Amino acid sequence: MYLFFLTFFLLLLISAIFFTIFEINFVKHFLKIENTKYIVLLRILETMTPFVTLLIASGPRAILKSVFPVFCSLCFLYLIILIIEFFRKKINMKELIVNSVLCIIDVALVTIGLIMIFGF
């Protein structure tokens, strides 16, 4: 049983790394944005979501109820970081818009996934 969960976790991790590399290449080549550290930050925050949820929740039902709010909170934190970096002139308006849209798309995909899986 543990081997199944370990294999499943490793497959999820490998697929997340693959999609992150694909997304970074897409942004670099098609959208002509060189600064991709914020995409990596978004992926790190997405990866942190289950672990943060496990820390603050107790029991399976509490975990399921906490996943979406924790994910939305981390994405809100990400958007705040983007806005602060924009006002510090570390990123331009195009990078702010592209990274914000990517974050909103991720939130929408997680919402659709949770609705499909758990029937919320």
C-alpha atoms as a PDB file:
ATOM      1  CA  MET A   1       0.000   0.000   0.000  1.00  0.00           C
ATOM      2  CA  TYR A   2       2.817   2.382   0.883  1.00  0.00           C
ATOM      3  CA  LEU A   3       4.543   1.523  -2.374  1.00  0.00           C
ATOM      4  CA  PHE A   4       1.405   2.528  -4.275  1.00  0.00           C
ATOM      5  CA  PHE A   5       1.248   5.933  -2.558  1.00  0.00           C
ATOM      6  CA  LEU A   6       4.976   6.469  -3.020  1.00  0.00           C
ATOM      7  CA  THR A   7       4.723   5.617  -6.710  1.00  0.00           C
ATOM      8  CA  PHE A   8       1.670   7.852  -7.096  1.00  0.00           C
ATOM      9  CA  PHE A   9       3.443  10.731  -5.330  1.00  0.00           C
ATOM     10  CA  LEU A  10       6.549  10.317  -7.497  1.00  0.00           C
ATOM     11  CA  LEU A  11       4.460  10.282 -10.670  1.00  0.00           C
ATOM     12  CA  LEU A  12       2.709  13.462  -9.561  1.00  0.00           C
ATOM     13  CA  LEU A  13       6.044  15.089  -8.798  1.00  0.00           C
ATOM     14  CA  ILE A  14       7.526  14.081 -12.151  1.00  0.00           C
ATOM     15  CA  SER A  15       4.462  15.302 -14.038  1.00  0.00           C
ATOM     16  CA  ALA A  16       4.545  18.618 -12.136  1.00  0.00           C
ATOM     17  CA  ILE A  17       8.202  19.086 -13.060  1.00  0.00           C
ATOM     18  CA  PHE A  18       7.440  18.237 -16.696  1.00  0.00           C
ATOM     19  CA  PHE A  19       4.546  20.703 -16.901  1.00  0.00           C
ATOM     20  CA  THR A  20       6.617  23.408 -15.189  1.00  0.00           C
ATOM     21  CA  ILE A  21       9.378  23.004 -17.765  1.00  0.00           C
ATOM     22  CA  PHE A  22       6.779  23.074 -20.553  1.00  0.00           C
ATOM     23  CA  GLU A  23       5.144  26.193 -19.125  1.00  0.00           C
ATOM     24  CA  ILE A  24       8.481  28.007 -18.716  1.00  0.00           C
ATOM     25  CA  ASN A  25       9.465  27.192 -22.307  1.00  0.00           C
ATOM     26  CA  PHE A  26       6.062  28.332 -23.555  1.00  0.00           C
ATOM     27  CA  VAL A  27       6.350  31.641 -21.704  1.00  0.00           C
ATOM     28  CA  LYS A  28       9.937  32.218 -22.862  1.00  0.00           C
ATOM     29  CA  HIS A  29       9.387  31.441 -26.541  1.00  0.00           C
ATOM     30  CA  PHE A  30       5.833  32.554 -27.283  1.00  0.00           C
ATOM     31  CA  LEU A  31       5.272  35.379 -24.804  1.00  0.00           C
ATOM     32  CA  LYS A  32       8.890  36.621 -24.906  1.00  0.00           C
ATOM     33  CA  ILE A  33       9.302  36.893 -21.128  1.00  0.00           C
ATOM     34  CA  GLU A  34      12.744  36.107 -19.751  1.00  0.00           C
ATOM     35  CA  ASN A  35      12.040  36.322 -16.014  1.00  0.00           C
ATOM     36  CA  THR A  36      10.486  32.961 -15.114  1.00  0.00           C
ATOM     37  CA  LYS A  37      11.310  32.820 -11.419  1.00  0.00           C
ATOM     38  CA  TYR A  38       7.713  33.741 -10.565  1.00  0.00           C
ATOM     39  CA  ILE A  39       6.398  30.707 -12.438  1.00  0.00           C
ATOM     40  CA  VAL A  40       8.724  28.530 -10.381  1.00  0.00           C
ATOM     41  CA  LEU A  41       7.478  30.319  -7.233  1.00  0.00           C
ATOM     42  CA  LEU A  42       3.885  29.543  -8.224  1.00  0.00           C
ATOM     43  CA  ARG A  43       4.751  25.865  -8.671  1.00  0.00           C
ATOM     44  CA  ILE A  44       6.465  25.793  -5.271  1.00  0.00           C
ATOM     45  CA  LEU A  45       3.360  27.296  -3.665  1.00  0.00           C
ATOM     46  CA  GLU A  46       1.176  24.729  -5.434  1.00  0.00           C
ATOM     47  CA  THR A  47       3.425  21.941  -4.174  1.00  0.00           C
ATOM     48  CA  MET A  48       3.262  23.336  -0.633  1.00  0.00           C
ATOM     49  CA  THR A  49      -0.554  23.250  -0.585  1.00  0.00           C
ATOM     50  CA  PRO A  50      -1.009  19.586   0.467  1.00  0.00           C
ATOM     51  CA  PHE A  51       1.681  19.827   3.134  1.00  0.00           C
ATOM     52  CA  VAL A  52       0.281  23.026   4.632  1.00  0.00           C
ATOM     53  CA  THR A  53      -3.186  21.472   4.564  1.00  0.00           C
ATOM     54  CA  LEU A  54      -1.949  18.395   6.404  1.00  0.00           C
ATOM     55  CA  LEU A  55      -0.395  20.613   9.075  1.00  0.00           C
ATOM     56  CA  ILE A  56      -3.486  22.727   9.786  1.00  0.00           C
ATOM     57  CA  ALA A  57      -6.211  20.102   9.361  1.00  0.00           C
ATOM     58  CA  SER A  58      -7.066  17.099  11.468  1.00  0.00           C
ATOM     59  CA  GLY A  59      -8.985  14.262   9.899  1.00  0.00           C
ATOM     60  CA  PRO A  60      -9.881  13.428   6.305  1.00  0.00           C
ATOM     61  CA  ARG A  61     -12.947  15.669   6.100  1.00  0.00           C
ATOM     62  CA  ALA A  62     -11.050  18.646   7.478  1.00  0.00           C
ATOM     63  CA  ILE A  63      -8.274  18.040   4.960  1.00  0.00           C
ATOM     64  CA  LEU A  64     -10.724  18.021   2.052  1.00  0.00           C
ATOM     65  CA  LYS A  65     -12.397  21.178   3.339  1.00  0.00           C
ATOM     66  CA  SER A  66      -9.025  22.912   3.803  1.00  0.00           C
ATOM     67  CA  VAL A  67      -7.349  22.196   0.464  1.00  0.00           C
ATOM     68  CA  PHE A  68      -9.112  24.852  -1.569  1.00  0.00           C
ATOM     69  CA  PRO A  69      -8.864  27.700   0.986  1.00  0.00           C
ATOM     70  CA  VAL A  70      -5.166  26.973   1.558  1.00  0.00           C
ATOM     71  CA  PHE A  71      -4.529  26.910  -2.181  1.00  0.00           C
ATOM     72  CA  CYS A  72      -6.426  30.174  -2.703  1.00  0.00           C
ATOM     73  CA  SER A  73      -4.538  31.791   0.187  1.00  0.00           C
ATOM     74  CA  LEU A  74      -1.184  30.788  -1.280  1.00  0.00           C
ATOM     75  CA  CYS A  75      -2.247  32.085  -4.708  1.00  0.00           C
ATOM     76  CA  PHE A  76      -3.368  35.354  -3.120  1.00  0.00           C
ATOM     77  CA  LEU A  77       0.057  35.578  -1.476  1.00  0.00           C
ATOM     78  CA  TYR A  78       1.610  34.977  -4.898  1.00  0.00           C
ATOM     79  CA  LEU A  79      -0.415  37.822  -6.435  1.00  0.00           C
ATOM     80  CA  ILE A  80       0.625  40.144  -3.604  1.00  0.00           C
ATOM     81  CA  ILE A  81       4.274  39.247  -4.245  1.00  0.00           C
ATOM     82  CA  LEU A  82       3.800  40.030  -7.936  1.00  0.00           C
ATOM     83  CA  ILE A  83       2.242  43.420  -7.174  1.00  0.00           C
ATOM     84  CA  ILE A  84       5.018  44.310  -4.732  1.00  0.00           C
ATOM     85  CA  GLU A  85       7.654  43.324  -7.293  1.00  0.00           C
ATOM     86  CA  PHE A  86       5.882  45.434  -9.912  1.00  0.00           C
ATOM     87  CA  PHE A  87       5.946  48.508  -7.681  1.00  0.00           C
ATOM     88  CA  ARG A  88       9.619  47.867  -6.912  1.00  0.00           C
ATOM     89  CA  LYS A  89      10.202  47.905 -10.703  1.00  0.00           C
ATOM     90  CA  LYS A  90      11.597  44.358 -10.725  1.00  0.00           C
ATOM     91  CA  ILE A  91       8.986  43.204 -13.230  1.00  0.00           C
ATOM     92  CA  ASN A  92       7.171  45.117 -15.951  1.00  0.00           C
ATOM     93  CA  MET A  93       3.451  45.285 -16.715  1.00  0.00           C
ATOM     94  CA  LYS A  94       3.601  42.464 -19.283  1.00  0.00           C
ATOM     95  CA  GLU A  95       5.223  40.085 -16.791  1.00  0.00           C
ATOM     96  CA  LEU A  96       2.699  41.078 -14.129  1.00  0.00           C
ATOM     97  CA  ILE A  97      -0.217  40.365 -16.443  1.00  0.00           C
ATOM     98  CA  VAL A  98       1.155  37.057 -17.766  1.00  0.00           C
ATOM     99  CA  ASN A  99       2.036  35.727 -14.298  1.00  0.00           C
ATOM    100  CA  SER A 100      -1.315  36.852 -12.869  1.00  0.00           C
ATOM    101  CA  VAL A 101      -3.202  35.148 -15.702  1.00  0.00           C
ATOM    102  CA  LEU A 102      -1.215  31.944 -15.142  1.00  0.00           C
ATOM    103  CA  CYS A 103      -2.141  32.060 -11.451  1.00  0.00           C
ATOM    104  CA  ILE A 104      -5.832  32.636 -12.216  1.00  0.00           C
ATOM    105  CA  ILE A 105      -5.777  29.743 -14.708  1.00  0.00           C
ATOM    106  CA  ASP A 106      -4.234  27.497 -12.036  1.00  0.00           C
ATOM    107  CA  VAL A 107      -6.949  28.461  -9.540  1.00  0.00           C
ATOM    108  CA  ALA A 108      -9.627  27.770 -12.159  1.00  0.00           C
ATOM    109  CA  LEU A 109      -8.126  24.356 -13.002  1.00  0.00           C
ATOM    110  CA  VAL A 110      -7.888  23.375  -9.332  1.00  0.00           C
ATOM    111  CA  THR A 111     -11.504  24.471  -8.806  1.00  0.00           C
ATOM    112  CA  ILE A 112     -12.689  22.431 -11.787  1.00  0.00           C
ATOM    113  CA  GLY A 113     -10.633  19.452 -10.599  1.00  0.00           C
ATOM    114  CA  LEU A 114     -12.089  19.599  -7.093  1.00  0.00           C
ATOM    115  CA  ILE A 115     -15.607  19.855  -8.486  1.00  0.00           C
ATOM    116  CA  MET A 116     -15.029  16.875 -10.759  1.00  0.00           C
ATOM    117  CA  ILE A 117     -13.378  14.731  -8.091  1.00  0.00           C
ATOM    118  CA  PHE A 118     -15.440  15.516  -5.006  1.00  0.00           C
ATOM    119  CA  GLY A 119     -18.654  16.903  -6.490  1.00  0.00           C
ATOM    120  CA  PHE A 120     -18.597  20.114  -4.434  1.00  0.00           C
END
